[in-house]
PDB file of N, CA and C in Angstrom:
ATOM      1  N   UNK A   1     158.278  22.021 113.047  1.00  0.00           N
ATOM      2  CA  UNK A   1     159.619  22.288 113.553  1.00  0.00           C
ATOM      3  C   UNK A   1     159.884  21.315 114.693  1.00  0.00           C
ATOM      4  N   UNK A   2     161.054  20.767 114.743  1.00  0.00           N
ATOM      5  CA  UNK A   2     161.386  19.748 115.727  1.00  0.00           C
ATOM      6  C   UNK A   2     162.289  20.268 116.832  1.00  0.00           C
ATOM      7  N   UNK A   3     162.133  21.538 117.171  1.00  0.00           N
ATOM      8  CA  UNK A   3     162.910  22.122 118.251  1.00  0.00           C
ATOM      9  C   UNK A   3     161.978  22.680 119.307  1.00  0.00           C
ATOM     10  N   UNK A   4     162.362  22.538 120.541  1.00  0.00           N
ATOM     11  CA  UNK A   4     161.619  23.134 121.647  1.00  0.00           C
ATOM     12  C   UNK A   4     162.508  24.235 122.214  1.00  0.00           C
ATOM     13  N   UNK A   5     161.996  25.459 122.254  1.00  0.00           N
ATOM     14  CA  UNK A   5     162.770  26.610 122.706  1.00  0.00           C
ATOM     15  C   UNK A   5     162.225  27.096 124.044  1.00  0.00           C
ATOM     16  N   UNK A   6     163.123  27.281 125.023  1.00  0.00           N
ATOM     17  CA  UNK A   6     162.764  27.860 126.312  1.00  0.00           C
ATOM     18  C   UNK A   6     163.589  29.132 126.465  1.00  0.00           C
ATOM     19  N   UNK A   7     163.046  30.287 126.024  1.00  0.00           N
ATOM     20  CA  UNK A   7     163.841  31.514 126.011  1.00  0.00           C
ATOM     21  C   UNK A   7     164.305  31.997 127.378  1.00  0.00           C
ATOM     22  N   UNK A   8     163.595  31.648 128.431  1.00  0.00           N
ATOM     23  CA  UNK A   8     164.021  32.089 129.761  1.00  0.00           C
ATOM     24  C   UNK A   8     165.330  31.433 130.207  1.00  0.00           C
ATOM     25  N   UNK A   9     165.727  30.353 129.560  1.00  0.00           N
ATOM     26  CA  UNK A   9     167.012  29.709 129.847  1.00  0.00           C
ATOM     27  C   UNK A   9     168.157  30.305 129.035  1.00  0.00           C
ATOM     28  N   UNK A  10     167.824  31.059 127.974  1.00  0.00           N
ATOM     29  CA  UNK A  10     168.844  31.584 127.068  1.00  0.00           C
ATOM     30  C   UNK A  10     169.723  32.626 127.759  1.00  0.00           C
ATOM     31  N   UNK A  11     171.038  32.487 127.577  1.00  0.00           N
ATOM     32  CA  UNK A  11     171.995  33.440 128.160  1.00  0.00           C
ATOM     33  C   UNK A  11     172.530  34.416 127.119  1.00  0.00           C
ATOM     34  N   UNK A  12     172.151  34.229 125.866  1.00  0.00           N
ATOM     35  CA  UNK A  12     172.615  35.113 124.800  1.00  0.00           C
ATOM     36  C   UNK A  12     174.038  34.850 124.356  1.00  0.00           C
ATOM     37  N   UNK A  13     174.533  33.648 124.553  1.00  0.00           N
ATOM     38  CA  UNK A  13     175.927  33.336 124.226  1.00  0.00           C
ATOM     39  C   UNK A  13     176.180  33.270 122.716  1.00  0.00           C
ATOM     40  N   UNK A  14     175.165  32.933 121.924  1.00  0.00           N
ATOM     41  CA  UNK A  14     175.332  32.853 120.479  1.00  0.00           C
ATOM     42  C   UNK A  14     175.877  31.532 119.970  1.00  0.00           C
ATOM     43  N   UNK A  15     176.027  30.539 120.841  1.00  0.00           N
ATOM     44  CA  UNK A  15     176.558  29.245 120.408  1.00  0.00           C
ATOM     45  C   UNK A  15     175.665  28.599 119.352  1.00  0.00           C
ATOM     46  N   UNK A  16     174.356  28.805 119.448  1.00  0.00           N
ATOM     47  CA  UNK A  16     173.435  28.223 118.463  1.00  0.00           C
ATOM     48  C   UNK A  16     173.667  28.823 117.084  1.00  0.00           C
ATOM     49  N   UNK A  17     173.907  30.125 117.022  1.00  0.00           N
ATOM     50  CA  UNK A  17     174.164  30.785 115.740  1.00  0.00           C
ATOM     51  C   UNK A  17     175.447  30.276 115.100  1.00  0.00           C
ATOM     52  N   UNK A  18     176.484  30.146 115.891  1.00  0.00           N
ATOM     53  CA  UNK A  18     177.772  29.679 115.374  1.00  0.00           C
ATOM     54  C   UNK A  18     177.670  28.225 114.919  1.00  0.00           C
ATOM     55  N   UNK A  19     177.013  27.385 115.715  1.00  0.00           N
ATOM     56  CA  UNK A  19     176.856  25.973 115.344  1.00  0.00           C
ATOM     57  C   UNK A  19     176.081  25.846 114.043  1.00  0.00           C
ATOM     58  N   UNK A  20     175.028  26.638 113.907  1.00  0.00           N
ATOM     59  CA  UNK A  20     174.226  26.592 112.676  1.00  0.00           C
ATOM     60  C   UNK A  20     175.030  27.076 111.475  1.00  0.00           C
ATOM     61  N   UNK A  21     175.812  28.129 111.652  1.00  0.00           N
ATOM     62  CA  UNK A  21     176.605  28.627 110.527  1.00  0.00           C
ATOM     63  C   UNK A  21     177.666  27.612 110.109  1.00  0.00           C
ATOM     64  N   UNK A  22     178.203  26.881 111.063  1.00  0.00           N
ATOM     65  CA  UNK A  22     179.173  25.834 110.720  1.00  0.00           C
ATOM     66  C   UNK A  22     178.491  24.732 109.898  1.00  0.00           C
ATOM     67  N   UNK A  23     177.245  24.413 110.248  1.00  0.00           N
ATOM     68  CA  UNK A  23     176.498  23.419 109.477  1.00  0.00           C
ATOM     69  C   UNK A  23     176.158  23.960 108.089  1.00  0.00           C
ATOM     70  N   UNK A  24     175.651  25.173 108.021  1.00  0.00           N
ATOM     71  CA  UNK A  24     175.173  25.737 106.757  1.00  0.00           C
ATOM     72  C   UNK A  24     176.292  25.979 105.749  1.00  0.00           C
ATOM     73  N   UNK A  25     177.406  26.556 106.229  1.00  0.00           N
ATOM     74  CA  UNK A  25     178.423  27.030 105.284  1.00  0.00           C
ATOM     75  C   UNK A  25     179.853  26.717 105.718  1.00  0.00           C
ATOM     76  N   UNK A  26     180.002  25.962 106.797  1.00  0.00           N
ATOM     77  CA  UNK A  26     181.321  25.639 107.340  1.00  0.00           C
ATOM     78  C   UNK A  26     182.151  26.892 107.596  1.00  0.00           C
ATOM     79  N   UNK A  27     181.487  27.941 108.075  1.00  0.00           N
ATOM     80  CA  UNK A  27     182.185  29.183 108.417  1.00  0.00           C
ATOM     81  C   UNK A  27     181.858  29.567 109.856  1.00  0.00           C
ATOM     82  N   UNK A  28     182.680  30.420 110.382  1.00  0.00           N
ATOM     83  CA  UNK A  28     182.466  30.925 111.741  1.00  0.00           C
ATOM     84  C   UNK A  28     181.813  32.308 111.671  1.00  0.00           C
ATOM     85  N   UNK A  29     180.937  32.506 110.723  1.00  0.00           N
ATOM     86  CA  UNK A  29     180.211  33.758 110.571  1.00  0.00           C
ATOM     87  C   UNK A  29     178.735  33.494 110.819  1.00  0.00           C
ATOM     88  N   UNK A  30     178.135  34.240 111.716  1.00  0.00           N
ATOM     89  CA  UNK A  30     176.731  34.019 112.039  1.00  0.00           C
ATOM     90  C   UNK A  30     175.794  34.562 110.964  1.00  0.00           C
ATOM     91  N   UNK A  31     176.325  35.123 109.906  1.00  0.00           N
ATOM     92  CA  UNK A  31     175.486  35.698 108.851  1.00  0.00           C
ATOM     93  C   UNK A  31     174.795  34.651 107.969  1.00  0.00           C
ATOM     94  N   UNK A  32     175.106  33.393 108.125  1.00  0.00           N
ATOM     95  CA  UNK A  32     174.464  32.369 107.309  1.00  0.00           C
ATOM     96  C   UNK A  32     173.613  31.400 108.133  1.00  0.00           C
ATOM     97  N   UNK A  33     173.517  31.605 109.423  1.00  0.00           N
ATOM     98  CA  UNK A  33     172.755  30.677 110.256  1.00  0.00           C
ATOM     99  C   UNK A  33     171.253  30.898 110.105  1.00  0.00           C
ATOM    100  N   UNK A  34     170.489  29.838 110.286  1.00  0.00           N
ATOM    101  CA  UNK A  34     169.026  29.887 110.215  1.00  0.00           C
ATOM    102  C   UNK A  34     168.418  30.318 111.538  1.00  0.00           C
ATOM    103  N   UNK A  35     169.249  30.469 112.546  1.00  0.00           N
ATOM    104  CA  UNK A  35     168.799  30.823 113.884  1.00  0.00           C
ATOM    105  C   UNK A  35     169.575  32.065 114.346  1.00  0.00           C
ATOM    106  N   UNK A  36     168.878  33.001 114.963  1.00  0.00           N
ATOM    107  CA  UNK A  36     169.560  34.190 115.475  1.00  0.00           C
ATOM    108  C   UNK A  36     169.005  34.541 116.854  1.00  0.00           C
ATOM    109  N   UNK A  37     169.810  35.270 117.598  1.00  0.00           N
ATOM    110  CA  UNK A  37     169.353  35.773 118.889  1.00  0.00           C
ATOM    111  C   UNK A  37     168.447  36.971 118.666  1.00  0.00           C
ATOM    112  N   UNK A  38     167.401  37.041 119.451  1.00  0.00           N
ATOM    113  CA  UNK A  38     166.492  38.184 119.417  1.00  0.00           C
ATOM    114  C   UNK A  38     166.725  38.964 120.706  1.00  0.00           C
ATOM    115  N   UNK A  39     167.077  40.219 120.554  1.00  0.00           N
ATOM    116  CA  UNK A  39     167.350  41.062 121.721  1.00  0.00           C
ATOM    117  C   UNK A  39     166.481  42.303 121.665  1.00  0.00           C
ATOM    118  N   UNK A  40     166.123  42.799 122.822  1.00  0.00           N
ATOM    119  CA  UNK A  40     165.407  44.060 122.925  1.00  0.00           C
ATOM    120  C   UNK A  40     166.147  44.926 123.931  1.00  0.00           C
ATOM    121  N   UNK A  41     165.681  46.124 124.119  1.00  0.00           N
ATOM    122  CA  UNK A  41     166.354  47.077 125.016  1.00  0.00           C
ATOM    123  C   UNK A  41     166.055  46.805 126.483  1.00  0.00           C
ATOM    124  N   UNK A  42     166.074  45.559 126.886  1.00  0.00           N
ATOM    125  CA  UNK A  42     165.842  45.178 128.276  1.00  0.00           C
ATOM    126  C   UNK A  42     167.050  44.391 128.761  1.00  0.00           C
ATOM    127  N   UNK A  43     167.434  44.594 129.975  1.00  0.00           N
ATOM    128  CA  UNK A  43     168.576  43.882 130.535  1.00  0.00           C
ATOM    129  C   UNK A  43     168.258  42.381 130.627  1.00  0.00           C
ATOM    130  N   UNK A  44     169.204  41.582 130.195  1.00  0.00           N
ATOM    131  CA  UNK A  44     169.089  40.121 130.238  1.00  0.00           C
ATOM    132  C   UNK A  44     167.845  39.598 129.525  1.00  0.00           C
ATOM    133  N   UNK A  45     167.477  40.214 128.423  1.00  0.00           N
ATOM    134  CA  UNK A  45     166.328  39.791 127.635  1.00  0.00           C
ATOM    135  C   UNK A  45     166.834  39.136 126.356  1.00  0.00           C
ATOM    136  N   UNK A  46     166.564  37.858 126.212  1.00  0.00           N
ATOM    137  CA  UNK A  46     167.002  37.130 125.034  1.00  0.00           C
ATOM    138  C   UNK A  46     165.869  36.267 124.511  1.00  0.00           C
ATOM    139  N   UNK A  47     165.785  36.178 123.236  1.00  0.00           N
ATOM    140  CA  UNK A  47     164.868  35.272 122.574  1.00  0.00           C
ATOM    141  C   UNK A  47     165.606  34.622 121.427  1.00  0.00           C
ATOM    142  N   UNK A  48     164.945  33.716 120.763  1.00  0.00           N
ATOM    143  CA  UNK A  48     165.565  32.993 119.665  1.00  0.00           C
ATOM    144  C   UNK A  48     164.615  33.021 118.478  1.00  0.00           C
ATOM    145  N   UNK A  49     165.158  33.346 117.303  1.00  0.00           N
ATOM    146  CA  UNK A  49     164.379  33.436 116.079  1.00  0.00           C
ATOM    147  C   UNK A  49     164.918  32.407 115.088  1.00  0.00           C
ATOM    148  N   UNK A  50     164.004  31.617 114.502  1.00  0.00           N
ATOM    149  CA  UNK A  50     164.401  30.574 113.559  1.00  0.00           C
ATOM    150  C   UNK A  50     163.615  30.737 112.264  1.00  0.00           C
ATOM    151  N   UNK A  51     164.329  30.730 111.153  1.00  0.00           N
ATOM    152  CA  UNK A  51     163.667  30.779 109.855  1.00  0.00           C
ATOM    153  C   UNK A  51     163.321  29.354 109.444  1.00  0.00           C
ATOM    154  N   UNK A  52     162.036  29.125 109.138  1.00  0.00           N
ATOM    155  CA  UNK A  52     161.592  27.835 108.636  1.00  0.00           C
ATOM    156  C   UNK A  52     161.296  27.985 107.142  1.00  0.00           C
ATOM    157  N   UNK A  53     160.801  26.948 106.528  1.00  0.00           N
ATOM    158  CA  UNK A  53     160.499  27.012 105.092  1.00  0.00           C
ATOM    159  C   UNK A  53     159.450  28.076 104.775  1.00  0.00           C
ATOM    160  N   UNK A  54     158.432  28.231 105.639  1.00  0.00           N
ATOM    161  CA  UNK A  54     157.329  29.137 105.351  1.00  0.00           C
ATOM    162  C   UNK A  54     157.338  30.419 106.176  1.00  0.00           C
ATOM    163  N   UNK A  55     157.693  30.330 107.438  1.00  0.00           N
ATOM    164  CA  UNK A  55     157.554  31.450 108.355  1.00  0.00           C
ATOM    165  C   UNK A  55     158.798  31.602 109.215  1.00  0.00           C
ATOM    166  N   UNK A  56     158.704  32.541 110.146  1.00  0.00           N
ATOM    167  CA  UNK A  56     159.787  32.768 111.111  1.00  0.00           C
ATOM    168  C   UNK A  56     159.207  32.532 112.505  1.00  0.00           C
ATOM    169  N   UNK A  57     159.867  31.663 113.266  1.00  0.00           N
ATOM    170  CA  UNK A  57     159.433  31.358 114.634  1.00  0.00           C
ATOM    171  C   UNK A  57     160.218  32.230 115.594  1.00  0.00           C
ATOM    172  N   UNK A  58     159.524  32.967 116.434  1.00  0.00           N
ATOM    173  CA  UNK A  58     160.160  33.832 117.419  1.00  0.00           C
ATOM    174  C   UNK A  58     159.768  33.367 118.808  1.00  0.00           C
ATOM    175  N   UNK A  59     160.741  32.849 119.545  1.00  0.00           N
ATOM    176  CA  UNK A  59     160.517  32.419 120.925  1.00  0.00           C
ATOM    177  C   UNK A  59     161.041  33.516 121.839  1.00  0.00           C
ATOM    178  N   UNK A  60     160.106  34.207 122.512  1.00  0.00           N
ATOM    179  CA  UNK A  60     160.459  35.297 123.429  1.00  0.00           C
ATOM    180  C   UNK A  60     160.006  34.932 124.830  1.00  0.00           C
ATOM    181  N   UNK A  61     160.548  35.595 125.853  1.00  0.00           N
ATOM    182  CA  UNK A  61     160.115  35.299 127.223  1.00  0.00           C
ATOM    183  C   UNK A  61     158.602  35.441 127.428  1.00  0.00           C
ATOM    184  N   UNK A  62     157.936  36.340 126.690  1.00  0.00           N
ATOM    185  CA  UNK A  62     156.487  36.524 126.835  1.00  0.00           C
ATOM    186  C   UNK A  62     155.701  35.387 126.213  1.00  0.00           C
ATOM    187  N   UNK A  63     156.351  34.621 125.383  1.00  0.00           N
ATOM    188  CA  UNK A  63     155.684  33.536 124.689  1.00  0.00           C
ATOM    189  C   UNK A  63     156.086  33.506 123.230  1.00  0.00           C
ATOM    190  N   UNK A  64     155.903  32.357 122.584  1.00  0.00           N
ATOM    191  CA  UNK A  64     156.304  32.215 121.185  1.00  0.00           C
ATOM    192  C   UNK A  64     155.273  32.809 120.240  1.00  0.00           C
ATOM    193  N   UNK A  65     155.729  33.160 119.061  1.00  0.00           N
ATOM    194  CA  UNK A  65     154.817  33.597 118.016  1.00  0.00           C
ATOM    195  C   UNK A  65     155.418  33.279 116.654  1.00  0.00           C
ATOM    196  N   UNK A  66     154.538  33.138 115.687  1.00  0.00           N
ATOM    197  CA  UNK A  66     154.948  32.926 114.309  1.00  0.00           C
ATOM    198  C   UNK A  66     154.816  34.240 113.572  1.00  0.00           C
ATOM    199  N   UNK A  67     155.843  34.612 112.836  1.00  0.00           N
ATOM    200  CA  UNK A  67     155.846  35.836 112.050  1.00  0.00           C
ATOM    201  C   UNK A  67     155.846  35.474 110.577  1.00  0.00           C
ATOM    202  N   UNK A  68     155.247  36.317 109.773  1.00  0.00           N
ATOM    203  CA  UNK A  68     155.351  36.104 108.338  1.00  0.00           C
ATOM    204  C   UNK A  68     156.784  36.411 107.920  1.00  0.00           C
ATOM    205  N   UNK A  69     157.167  35.979 106.761  1.00  0.00           N
ATOM    206  CA  UNK A  69     158.529  36.232 106.278  1.00  0.00           C
ATOM    207  C   UNK A  69     158.829  37.730 106.276  1.00  0.00           C
ATOM    208  N   UNK A  70     157.853  38.572 105.933  1.00  0.00           N
ATOM    209  CA  UNK A  70     158.107  40.013 105.886  1.00  0.00           C
ATOM    210  C   UNK A  70     158.318  40.597 107.281  1.00  0.00           C
ATOM    211  N   UNK A  71     157.670  40.050 108.304  1.00  0.00           N
ATOM    212  CA  UNK A  71     157.855  40.543 109.665  1.00  0.00           C
ATOM    213  C   UNK A  71     159.230  40.185 110.215  1.00  0.00           C
ATOM    214  N   UNK A  72     159.833  39.127 109.719  1.00  0.00           N
ATOM    215  CA  UNK A  72     161.142  38.696 110.187  1.00  0.00           C
ATOM    216  C   UNK A  72     162.290  39.406 109.506  1.00  0.00           C
ATOM    217  N   UNK A  73     161.974  40.405 108.697  1.00  0.00           N
ATOM    218  CA  UNK A  73     163.001  41.072 107.896  1.00  0.00           C
ATOM    219  C   UNK A  73     163.758  42.157 108.643  1.00  0.00           C
ATOM    220  N   UNK A  74     163.324  42.543 109.811  1.00  0.00           N
ATOM    221  CA  UNK A  74     163.965  43.655 110.509  1.00  0.00           C
ATOM    222  C   UNK A  74     165.204  43.209 111.275  1.00  0.00           C
ATOM    223  N   UNK A  75     165.991  44.156 111.676  1.00  0.00           N
ATOM    224  CA  UNK A  75     167.172  43.871 112.481  1.00  0.00           C
ATOM    225  C   UNK A  75     168.461  43.994 111.697  1.00  0.00           C
ATOM    226  N   UNK A  76     169.578  44.014 112.416  1.00  0.00           N
ATOM    227  CA  UNK A  76     170.873  44.167 111.754  1.00  0.00           C
ATOM    228  C   UNK A  76     171.299  42.940 110.971  1.00  0.00           C
ATOM    229  N   UNK A  77     170.748  41.789 111.293  1.00  0.00           N
ATOM    230  CA  UNK A  77     171.085  40.553 110.598  1.00  0.00           C
ATOM    231  C   UNK A  77     169.786  39.950 110.075  1.00  0.00           C
ATOM    232  N   UNK A  78     169.229  40.491 108.981  1.00  0.00           N
ATOM    233  CA  UNK A  78     167.926  40.019 108.513  1.00  0.00           C
ATOM    234  C   UNK A  78     167.907  38.509 108.293  1.00  0.00           C
ATOM    235  N   UNK A  79     166.950  37.871 108.897  1.00  0.00           N
ATOM    236  CA  UNK A  79     166.873  36.414 108.811  1.00  0.00           C
ATOM    237  C   UNK A  79     166.363  35.941 107.457  1.00  0.00           C
ATOM    238  N   UNK A  80     165.695  36.822 106.729  1.00  0.00           N
ATOM    239  CA  UNK A  80     165.151  36.415 105.430  1.00  0.00           C
ATOM    240  C   UNK A  80     166.215  36.126 104.393  1.00  0.00           C
ATOM    241  N   UNK A  81     167.409  36.648 104.575  1.00  0.00           N
ATOM    242  CA  UNK A  81     168.496  36.422 103.629  1.00  0.00           C
ATOM    243  C   UNK A  81     169.221  35.111 103.890  1.00  0.00           C
ATOM    244  N   UNK A  82     168.791  34.392 104.877  1.00  0.00           N
ATOM    245  CA  UNK A  82     169.471  33.163 105.287  1.00  0.00           C
ATOM    246  C   UNK A  82     168.713  31.925 104.817  1.00  0.00           C
ATOM    247  N   UNK A  83     169.382  30.789 104.778  1.00  0.00           N
ATOM    248  CA  UNK A  83     168.678  29.562 104.411  1.00  0.00           C
ATOM    249  C   UNK A  83     167.730  29.135 105.539  1.00  0.00           C
ATOM    250  N   UNK A  84     166.623  28.470 105.210  1.00  0.00           N
ATOM    251  CA  UNK A  84     165.723  27.994 106.264  1.00  0.00           C
ATOM    252  C   UNK A  84     166.336  26.806 107.008  1.00  0.00           C
ATOM    253  N   UNK A  85     165.914  26.634 108.233  1.00  0.00           N
ATOM    254  CA  UNK A  85     166.370  25.504 109.043  1.00  0.00           C
ATOM    255  C   UNK A  85     165.870  24.203 108.421  1.00  0.00           C
ATOM    256  N   UNK A  86     166.777  23.247 108.286  1.00  0.00           N
ATOM    257  CA  UNK A  86     166.381  21.931 107.784  1.00  0.00           C
ATOM    258  C   UNK A  86     166.595  20.855 108.843  1.00  0.00           C
ATOM    259  N   UNK A  87     166.790  21.288 110.090  1.00  0.00           N
ATOM    260  CA  UNK A  87     166.973  20.332 111.178  1.00  0.00           C
ATOM    261  C   UNK A  87     168.268  19.557 111.086  1.00  0.00           C
ATOM    262  N   UNK A  88     169.271  20.146 110.462  1.00  0.00           N
ATOM    263  CA  UNK A  88     170.565  19.476 110.266  1.00  0.00           C
ATOM    264  C   UNK A  88     170.351  18.098 109.631  1.00  0.00           C
ATOM    265  N   UNK A  89     169.618  18.083 108.524  1.00  0.00           N
ATOM    266  CA  UNK A  89     169.217  16.827 107.899  1.00  0.00           C
ATOM    267  C   UNK A  89     170.374  15.936 107.480  1.00  0.00           C
ATOM    268  N   UNK A  90     171.556  16.494 107.324  1.00  0.00           N
ATOM    269  CA  UNK A  90     172.717  15.685 106.938  1.00  0.00           C
ATOM    270  C   UNK A  90     173.490  15.158 108.142  1.00  0.00           C
ATOM    271  N   UNK A  91     172.908  15.333 109.323  1.00  0.00           N
ATOM    272  CA  UNK A  91     173.561  14.897 110.554  1.00  0.00           C
ATOM    273  C   UNK A  91     172.592  14.081 111.405  1.00  0.00           C
ATOM    274  N   UNK A  92     173.135  13.323 112.344  1.00  0.00           N
ATOM    275  CA  UNK A  92     172.287  12.580 113.282  1.00  0.00           C
ATOM    276  C   UNK A  92     171.801  13.464 114.416  1.00  0.00           C
ATOM    277  N   UNK A  93     172.534  14.537 114.709  1.00  0.00           N
ATOM    278  CA  UNK A  93     172.160  15.422 115.810  1.00  0.00           C
ATOM    279  C   UNK A  93     171.943  16.841 115.295  1.00  0.00           C
ATOM    280  N   UNK A  94     171.200  17.617 116.028  1.00  0.00           N
ATOM    281  CA  UNK A  94     170.968  19.019 115.679  1.00  0.00           C
ATOM    282  C   UNK A  94     172.032  19.849 116.390  1.00  0.00           C
ATOM    283  N   UNK A  95     172.846  20.568 115.636  1.00  0.00           N
ATOM    284  CA  UNK A  95     173.985  21.279 116.217  1.00  0.00           C
ATOM    285  C   UNK A  95     173.579  22.377 117.191  1.00  0.00           C
ATOM    286  N   UNK A  96     172.475  23.088 116.929  1.00  0.00           N
ATOM    287  CA  UNK A  96     172.063  24.142 117.866  1.00  0.00           C
ATOM    288  C   UNK A  96     171.707  23.531 119.220  1.00  0.00           C
ATOM    289  N   UNK A  97     171.111  22.345 119.217  1.00  0.00           N
ATOM    290  CA  UNK A  97     170.777  21.648 120.463  1.00  0.00           C
ATOM    291  C   UNK A  97     172.055  21.173 121.148  1.00  0.00           C
ATOM    292  N   UNK A  98     172.930  20.582 120.380  1.00  0.00           N
ATOM    293  CA  UNK A  98     174.169  20.007 120.923  1.00  0.00           C
ATOM    294  C   UNK A  98     175.048  21.056 121.607  1.00  0.00           C
ATOM    295  N   UNK A  99     175.125  22.253 121.014  1.00  0.00           N
ATOM    296  CA  UNK A  99     176.049  23.252 121.539  1.00  0.00           C
ATOM    297  C   UNK A  99     175.410  24.312 122.431  1.00  0.00           C
ATOM    298  N   UNK A 100     174.119  24.236 122.690  1.00  0.00           N
ATOM    299  CA  UNK A 100     173.465  25.201 123.589  1.00  0.00           C
ATOM    300  C   UNK A 100     173.836  24.850 125.036  1.00  0.00           C
ATOM    301  N   UNK A 101     174.662  25.673 125.695  1.00  0.00           N
ATOM    302  CA  UNK A 101     175.127  25.326 127.036  1.00  0.00           C
ATOM    303  C   UNK A 101     174.054  25.473 128.123  1.00  0.00           C
ATOM    304  N   UNK A 102     173.010  26.247 127.858  1.00  0.00           N
ATOM    305  CA  UNK A 102     171.998  26.481 128.890  1.00  0.00           C
ATOM    306  C   UNK A 102     170.796  25.547 128.761  1.00  0.00           C
ATOM    307  N   UNK A 103     170.719  24.788 127.667  1.00  0.00           N
ATOM    308  CA  UNK A 103     169.589  23.898 127.465  1.00  0.00           C
ATOM    309  C   UNK A 103     168.323  24.610 127.020  1.00  0.00           C
ATOM    310  N   UNK A 104     168.470  25.822 126.487  1.00  0.00           N
ATOM    311  CA  UNK A 104     167.277  26.546 126.037  1.00  0.00           C
ATOM    312  C   UNK A 104     166.753  26.030 124.700  1.00  0.00           C
ATOM    313  N   UNK A 105     167.570  25.283 123.975  1.00  0.00           N
ATOM    314  CA  UNK A 105     167.135  24.656 122.725  1.00  0.00           C
ATOM    315  C   UNK A 105     167.238  23.145 122.920  1.00  0.00           C
ATOM    316  N   UNK A 106     166.106  22.467 122.733  1.00  0.00           N
ATOM    317  CA  UNK A 106     166.058  21.023 122.906  1.00  0.00           C
ATOM    318  C   UNK A 106     165.341  20.405 121.714  1.00  0.00           C
ATOM    319  N   UNK A 107     165.560  19.107 121.541  1.00  0.00           N
ATOM    320  CA  UNK A 107     164.772  18.413 120.529  1.00  0.00           C
ATOM    321  C   UNK A 107     163.388  18.238 121.124  1.00  0.00           C
ATOM    322  N   UNK A 108     162.405  18.479 120.330  1.00  0.00           N
ATOM    323  CA  UNK A 108     161.026  18.390 120.785  1.00  0.00           C
ATOM    324  C   UNK A 108     160.120  18.884 119.692  1.00  0.00           C
ATOM    325  N   UNK A 109     158.937  19.277 120.052  1.00  0.00           N
ATOM    326  CA  UNK A 109     157.978  19.709 119.057  1.00  0.00           C
ATOM    327  C   UNK A 109     157.451  21.077 119.404  1.00  0.00           C
ATOM    328  N   UNK A 110     157.494  21.973 118.436  1.00  0.00           N
ATOM    329  CA  UNK A 110     156.871  23.271 118.535  1.00  0.00           C
ATOM    330  C   UNK A 110     155.822  23.350 117.445  1.00  0.00           C
ATOM    331  N   UNK A 111     154.635  23.717 117.811  1.00  0.00           N
ATOM    332  CA  UNK A 111     153.522  23.745 116.862  1.00  0.00           C
ATOM    333  C   UNK A 111     153.814  24.641 115.673  1.00  0.00           C
ATOM    334  N   UNK A 112     153.546  24.153 114.486  1.00  0.00           N
ATOM    335  CA  UNK A 112     153.746  24.916 113.264  1.00  0.00           C
ATOM    336  C   UNK A 112     152.702  26.013 113.137  1.00  0.00           C
ATOM    337  N   UNK A 113     153.024  26.994 112.355  1.00  0.00           N
ATOM    338  CA  UNK A 113     152.089  28.094 112.097  1.00  0.00           C
ATOM    339  C   UNK A 113     150.880  27.553 111.342  1.00  0.00           C
ATOM    340  N   UNK A 114     149.728  28.195 111.594  1.00  0.00           N
ATOM    341  CA  UNK A 114     148.484  27.764 110.971  1.00  0.00           C
ATOM    342  C   UNK A 114     148.423  28.180 109.586  1.00  0.00           C
TER     343      UNK A 114
END
């Protein structure tokens, strides 16, 4: 994966989800994005979840982890029903990086699952 996620910078604005959905399906619906916000019952707690070809990457304030496809199936917007991230291969720039106002998503390297 060619994204570096810093969840402590995330404000939960959802710009990454909207940008990804515009790339995936040219719609303003976050139901088709490969990236979603991860929220828990804690104030100002945000993480970012990305579906890759094989697994689901979850970047949380406690640290990142790789989940199997079945573990990423929970939540109101199941990520398994979405297309995997392809790094915006039809573009020169990655839209989630471009539109993230807090800089929590950057181009970089995150270690792939073993």
